[in-house]
C-alpha atoms as a PDB file:
ATOM      1  CA  MET A   1     -11.734  -4.318  -1.807  1.00  0.00           C
ATOM      2  CA  LEU A   2      -8.572  -5.844  -1.476  1.00  0.00           C
ATOM      3  CA  GLN A   3      -6.975  -6.121   2.318  1.00  0.00           C
ATOM      4  CA  SER A   4      -3.347  -5.711   2.428  1.00  0.00           C
ATOM      5  CA  HIS A   5      -2.372  -9.111   2.105  1.00  0.00           C
ATOM      6  CA  GLU A   6      -3.918  -9.363  -1.314  1.00  0.00           C
ATOM      7  CA  LEU A   7      -2.780  -5.774  -2.627  1.00  0.00           C
ATOM      8  CA  LEU A   8       0.479  -7.353  -2.209  1.00  0.00           C
ATOM      9  CA  GLY A   9      -0.416 -10.717  -4.112  1.00  0.00           C
ATOM     10  CA  PHE A  10      -1.838  -8.954  -6.596  1.00  0.00           C
ATOM     11  CA  MET A  11       0.724  -6.341  -8.004  1.00  0.00           C
ATOM     12  CA  SER A  12       2.944  -6.599  -9.915  1.00  0.00           C
ATOM     13  CA  PRO A  13       6.153  -8.811  -8.572  1.00  0.00           C
ATOM     14  CA  ALA A  14       8.434  -5.755  -9.409  1.00  0.00           C
ATOM     15  CA  LEU A  15       6.398  -3.349  -7.700  1.00  0.00           C
ATOM     16  CA  ALA A  16       6.562  -5.641  -4.690  1.00  0.00           C
ATOM     17  CA  ASN A  17       9.964  -6.171  -4.930  1.00  0.00           C
ATOM     18  CA  ASP A  18      10.134  -2.511  -5.396  1.00  0.00           C
ATOM     19  CA  ILE A  19       8.688  -1.936  -2.067  1.00  0.00           C
ATOM     20  CA  LEU A  20      10.409  -4.811  -0.043  1.00  0.00           C
ATOM     21  CA  SER A  21      13.749  -3.297  -1.508  1.00  0.00           C
ATOM     22  CA  PHE A  22      13.016   0.363  -0.337  1.00  0.00           C
ATOM     23  CA  ILE A  23      12.023  -0.570   2.924  1.00  0.00           C
ATOM     24  CA  PHE A  24      14.861  -2.635   3.805  1.00  0.00           C
ATOM     25  CA  GLU A  25      16.853   0.865   2.579  1.00  0.00           C
ATOM     26  CA  SER A  26      15.155   3.380   4.228  1.00  0.00           C
ATOM     27  CA  ASP A  27      13.195   2.440   6.856  1.00  0.00           C
ATOM     28  CA  LYS A  28      14.623  -0.541   8.530  1.00  0.00           C
ATOM     29  CA  PRO A  29      12.535  -0.067  12.006  1.00  0.00           C
ATOM     30  CA  ALA A  30       9.348  -1.567   9.143  1.00  0.00           C
ATOM     31  CA  TYR A  31      12.054  -3.477   7.347  1.00  0.00           C
ATOM     32  CA  LYS A  32      12.632  -5.574  10.918  1.00  0.00           C
ATOM     33  CA  ALA A  33       9.419  -5.739  11.847  1.00  0.00           C
ATOM     34  CA  ALA A  34       7.912  -7.087   8.693  1.00  0.00           C
ATOM     35  CA  LEU A  35      10.997  -9.806   9.088  1.00  0.00           C
ATOM     36  CA  ALA A  36       9.975 -10.693  12.607  1.00  0.00           C
ATOM     37  CA  ALA A  37       6.530 -10.794  11.322  1.00  0.00           C
ATOM     38  CA  VAL A  38       7.082 -13.382   8.584  1.00  0.00           C
ATOM     39  CA  ALA A  39      10.106 -14.921  10.494  1.00  0.00           C
ATOM     40  CA  GLU A  40       7.237 -15.889  13.795  1.00  0.00           C
ATOM     41  CA  ALA A  41       4.873 -17.010  10.912  1.00  0.00           C
ATOM     42  CA  LYS A  42       7.426 -19.698  10.047  1.00  0.00           C
ATOM     43  CA  HIS A  43       8.133 -20.704  12.565  1.00  0.00           C
ATOM     44  CA  VAL A  44      11.811 -19.258  12.902  1.00  0.00           C
ATOM     45  CA  ARG A  45      14.103 -17.176  14.101  1.00  0.00           C
ATOM     46  CA  PRO A  46      14.989 -13.713  12.499  1.00  0.00           C
ATOM     47  CA  ILE A  47      18.080 -14.314  12.342  1.00  0.00           C
ATOM     48  CA  PHE A  48      17.236 -17.501  10.136  1.00  0.00           C
ATOM     49  CA  LEU A  49      15.979 -15.288   7.426  1.00  0.00           C
ATOM     50  CA  GLU A  50      18.655 -12.288   7.550  1.00  0.00           C
ATOM     51  CA  ARG A  51      20.896 -14.701   6.821  1.00  0.00           C
ATOM     52  CA  GLN A  52      19.578 -15.365   3.845  1.00  0.00           C
ATOM     53  CA  PRO A  53      20.968 -14.125   0.698  1.00  0.00           C
ATOM     54  CA  ARG A  54      18.824 -10.822   0.689  1.00  0.00           C
ATOM     55  CA  ALA A  55      16.886 -12.179  -2.987  1.00  0.00           C
ATOM     56  CA  GLU A  56      16.142 -15.075  -1.373  1.00  0.00           C
ATOM     57  CA  ARG A  57      14.854 -13.403   1.795  1.00  0.00           C
ATOM     58  CA  HIS A  58      12.967 -11.048   0.047  1.00  0.00           C
ATOM     59  CA  THR A  59      11.328 -13.778  -2.395  1.00  0.00           C
ATOM     60  CA  ALA A  60       9.485 -15.680   1.073  1.00  0.00           C
ATOM     61  CA  MET A  61       9.307 -12.226   3.156  1.00  0.00           C
ATOM     62  CA  LEU A  62       7.017 -11.457   0.139  1.00  0.00           C
ATOM     63  CA  SER A  63       5.446 -15.060  -0.360  1.00  0.00           C
ATOM     64  CA  ALA A  64       4.351 -15.254   3.872  1.00  0.00           C
ATOM     65  CA  LEU A  65       3.110 -11.229   3.105  1.00  0.00           C
ATOM     66  CA  THR A  66       0.448 -12.252   1.018  1.00  0.00           C
ATOM     67  CA  LYS A  67      -1.076 -14.512   3.740  1.00  0.00           C
ATOM     68  CA  PRO A  68      -4.112 -13.477   5.942  1.00  0.00           C
ATOM     69  CA  LYS A  69      -2.219 -14.216   8.591  1.00  0.00           C
ATOM     70  CA  LEU A  70       0.159 -11.600   8.092  1.00  0.00           C
ATOM     71  CA  ASP A  71      -2.479  -9.089   6.911  1.00  0.00           C
ATOM     72  CA  GLY A  72      -1.826  -6.244   9.712  1.00  0.00           C
ATOM     73  CA  ALA A  73       1.833  -6.345   8.814  1.00  0.00           C
ATOM     74  CA  ALA A  74       1.393  -6.147   5.031  1.00  0.00           C
ATOM     75  CA  ALA A  75      -0.989  -3.215   6.006  1.00  0.00           C
ATOM     76  CA  ALA A  76       2.483  -1.168   7.890  1.00  0.00           C
ATOM     77  CA  PHE A  77       4.292  -2.084   5.009  1.00  0.00           C
ATOM     78  CA  ILE A  78       2.174  -0.700   2.330  1.00  0.00           C
ATOM     79  CA  ARG A  79       1.586   1.784   4.732  1.00  0.00           C
ATOM     80  CA  ALA A  80       5.252   3.217   5.153  1.00  0.00           C
ATOM     81  CA  TRP A  81       6.360   2.971   1.576  1.00  0.00           C
ATOM     82  CA  LEU A  82       3.264   4.968   0.555  1.00  0.00           C
ATOM     83  CA  VAL A  83       3.962   7.426   3.635  1.00  0.00           C
ATOM     84  CA  LYS A  84       7.687   7.592   3.179  1.00  0.00           C
ATOM     85  CA  LYS A  85       8.436   7.547  -0.835  1.00  0.00           C
ATOM     86  CA  HIS A  86       4.964   8.193  -1.870  1.00  0.00           C
ATOM     87  CA  ALA A  87       4.289  11.271  -0.035  1.00  0.00           C
ATOM     88  CA  ALA A  88       3.616  14.082  -2.806  1.00  0.00           C
ATOM     89  CA  MET A  89       0.993  11.923  -4.090  1.00  0.00           C
ATOM     90  CA  LEU A  90      -0.842  11.709  -0.967  1.00  0.00           C
ATOM     91  CA  VAL A  91      -1.089  15.473  -0.409  1.00  0.00           C
ATOM     92  CA  ASP A  92      -1.978  15.688  -4.323  1.00  0.00           C
ATOM     93  CA  PHE A  93      -5.037  12.917  -3.371  1.00  0.00           C
ATOM     94  CA  LEU A  94      -6.275  14.722  -0.291  1.00  0.00           C
ATOM     95  CA  ASN A  95      -5.363  18.001  -1.233  1.00  0.00           C
ATOM     96  CA  ALA A  96      -7.149  17.682  -4.176  1.00  0.00           C
ATOM     97  CA  LEU A  97     -10.697  16.655  -1.539  1.00  0.00           C
ATOM     98  CA  GLU A  98      -9.498  19.536   0.401  1.00  0.00           C
ATOM     99  CA  ILE A  99      -9.154  17.328   3.485  1.00  0.00           C
ATOM    100  CA  LYS A 100      -6.422  19.432   6.079  1.00  0.00           C
ATOM    101  CA  ASN A 101      -3.305  16.789   5.718  1.00  0.00           C
ATOM    102  CA  GLU A 102       0.536  16.924   7.019  1.00  0.00           C
ATOM    103  CA  ASN A 103       2.688  15.465   4.515  1.00  0.00           C
ATOM    104  CA  GLY A 104      -0.079  13.019   3.429  1.00  0.00           C
ATOM    105  CA  VAL A 105      -0.968  11.673   6.997  1.00  0.00           C
ATOM    106  CA  VAL A 106      -4.483  12.736   7.942  1.00  0.00           C
ATOM    107  CA  GLU A 107      -5.711  12.880  11.406  1.00  0.00           C
ATOM    108  CA  ASP A 108      -9.422  12.998  10.759  1.00  0.00           C
ATOM    109  CA  LEU A 109     -11.312  11.631   7.571  1.00  0.00           C
ATOM    110  CA  PRO A 110     -14.677  13.066   6.736  1.00  0.00           C
ATOM    111  CA  SER A 111     -17.056   9.830   7.124  1.00  0.00           C
ATOM    112  CA  THR A 112     -18.199  11.049   3.059  1.00  0.00           C
ATOM    113  CA  VAL A 113     -16.985  12.430  -0.233  1.00  0.00           C
ATOM    114  CA  ASP A 114     -18.180  14.403  -3.026  1.00  0.00           C
ATOM    115  CA  ASP A 115     -18.546  12.153  -6.025  1.00  0.00           C
ATOM    116  CA  VAL A 116     -16.996  14.612  -8.515  1.00  0.00           C
ATOM    117  CA  LYS A 117     -14.346  15.644  -6.525  1.00  0.00           C
ATOM    118  CA  LEU A 118     -13.375  11.944  -5.601  1.00  0.00           C
ATOM    119  CA  LYS A 119     -13.230  11.262  -9.269  1.00  0.00           C
ATOM    120  CA  ALA A 120     -11.146  15.304  -9.670  1.00  0.00           C
ATOM    121  CA  ALA A 121      -8.887  13.715  -7.452  1.00  0.00           C
ATOM    122  CA  VAL A 122      -8.284  10.271  -8.548  1.00  0.00           C
ATOM    123  CA  GLU A 123      -7.667  11.947 -12.724  1.00  0.00           C
ATOM    124  CA  ILE A 124      -5.458  13.759 -11.029  1.00  0.00           C
ATOM    125  CA  LEU A 125      -3.236  10.902  -9.423  1.00  0.00           C
ATOM    126  CA  LEU A 126      -4.141   8.457 -12.952  1.00  0.00           C
ATOM    127  CA  GLY A 127      -2.612  12.322 -14.536  1.00  0.00           C
ATOM    128  CA  LYS A 128       0.526  12.068 -12.619  1.00  0.00           C
ATOM    129  CA  TYR A 129       1.363   9.064 -11.103  1.00  0.00           C
ATOM    130  CA  PRO A 130       1.857   5.247 -12.219  1.00  0.00           C
ATOM    131  CA  HIS A 131      -1.431   3.845 -12.661  1.00  0.00           C
ATOM    132  CA  GLU A 132      -0.231   0.659 -10.411  1.00  0.00           C
ATOM    133  CA  ILE A 133       0.738   3.150  -7.982  1.00  0.00           C
ATOM    134  CA  VAL A 134      -2.339   4.599  -7.548  1.00  0.00           C
ATOM    135  CA  ALA A 135      -4.803   1.415  -7.593  1.00  0.00           C
ATOM    136  CA  VAL A 136      -2.675   0.302  -4.709  1.00  0.00           C
ATOM    137  CA  TYR A 137      -2.605   3.604  -2.885  1.00  0.00           C
ATOM    138  CA  LEU A 138      -6.373   3.854  -3.244  1.00  0.00           C
ATOM    139  CA  ASN A 139      -6.426   0.158  -2.514  1.00  0.00           C
ATOM    140  CA  ALA A 140      -4.663   0.484   0.908  1.00  0.00           C
ATOM    141  CA  PHE A 141      -6.451   3.796   1.514  1.00  0.00           C
ATOM    142  CA  ASN A 142      -9.686   2.981   1.584  1.00  0.00           C
ATOM    143  CA  ASP A 143      -8.749  -0.407   3.024  1.00  0.00           C
ATOM    144  CA  MET A 144      -6.861   1.114   6.026  1.00  0.00           C
ATOM    145  CA  ASN A 145      -9.468   3.880   7.115  1.00  0.00           C
ATOM    146  CA  ALA A 146     -12.502   3.684   9.314  1.00  0.00           C
ATOM    147  CA  ALA A 147     -14.058   5.830   7.045  1.00  0.00           C
ATOM    148  CA  GLY A 148     -14.737   3.712   4.180  1.00  0.00           C
ATOM    149  CA  TRP A 149     -16.032   5.718   1.049  1.00  0.00           C
ATOM    150  CA  ALA A 150     -18.499   4.524  -0.336  1.00  0.00           C
ATOM    151  CA  ASN A 151     -17.833   6.225  -3.421  1.00  0.00           C
ATOM    152  CA  LEU A 152     -14.397   5.298  -3.827  1.00  0.00           C
ATOM    153  CA  LYS A 153     -14.999   1.514  -3.662  1.00  0.00           C
ATOM    154  CA  THR A 154     -17.604   1.621  -6.572  1.00  0.00           C
ATOM    155  CA  LEU A 155     -14.567   3.047  -8.751  1.00  0.00           C
ATOM    156  CA  LEU A 156     -12.042   0.730  -7.179  1.00  0.00           C
ATOM    157  CA  GLU A 157     -14.085  -1.637  -8.883  1.00  0.00           C
ATOM    158  CA  SER A 158     -15.427  -0.566 -11.775  1.00  0.00           C
ATOM    159  CA  ASP A 159     -12.586   1.469 -13.057  1.00  0.00           C
ATOM    160  CA  ALA A 160      -9.898  -0.117 -15.367  1.00  0.00           C
ATOM    161  CA  ARG A 161      -6.936   1.869 -14.873  1.00  0.00           C
ATOM    162  CA  LEU A 162      -7.180   1.172 -10.904  1.00  0.00           C
ATOM    163  CA  GLN A 163      -7.287  -2.781 -11.535  1.00  0.00           C
ATOM    164  CA  LEU A 164      -4.475  -4.519 -10.263  1.00  0.00           C
ATOM    165  CA  GLY A 165      -2.653  -6.487 -13.367  1.00  0.00           C
ATOM    166  CA  ASN A 166      -4.007  -4.278 -15.739  1.00  0.00           C
ATOM    167  CA  ALA A 167      -1.915  -0.862 -15.006  1.00  0.00           C
ATOM    168  CA  ALA A 168      -0.595   1.301 -17.944  1.00  0.00           C
END
C-alpha cells in the first residue's frame, strides 16, 4: 500500500503538477503549510522558496514532498485536493458503500466493508472518473483512514486499473 509521499512520487508528473497548481490557486493555507514543510526540510526560510519562479518552486516542492520525512505534509496536501476538487467522487464512493458522509467527509468508518459493495463502488468510480485520480483517491483513502480495509488493499494491489503509472 502506498503512503502519501509515495503517491506523489508514482503519479504522473502532470497530475502532481495539477494538484500543486490547484492548491496554489484555491487553498492558500494548505499551500503555505506545504511550502513551510518543504522549506523546513530543505533548511531554508519559506520566503526563499516563495521568491523562486513558480515552476522552479513547484518542482522543488514536489521533489521534497515525495520523501518519507514529509509524508504528513503530502497527506494533508492530497487530502485538501481531494476534498476541494473531487468531492463528487468521494461522495459517489461513500454513497455506493452506504456510508453516511458530508460532502465526502466521514466521521466514523466501519471496520470492514462488503466485498460486493466495494467492487461495485470501485466500478462506479472507474466508469465515471479518470483511472489515475481514482487510484490516487483509493490509495489515499486506505492509507489515511484507520479502518484499513483488507479487501480494498487487495483490490489496489490486484486491479491493473488502480496501479499508478498504468492509468488510462
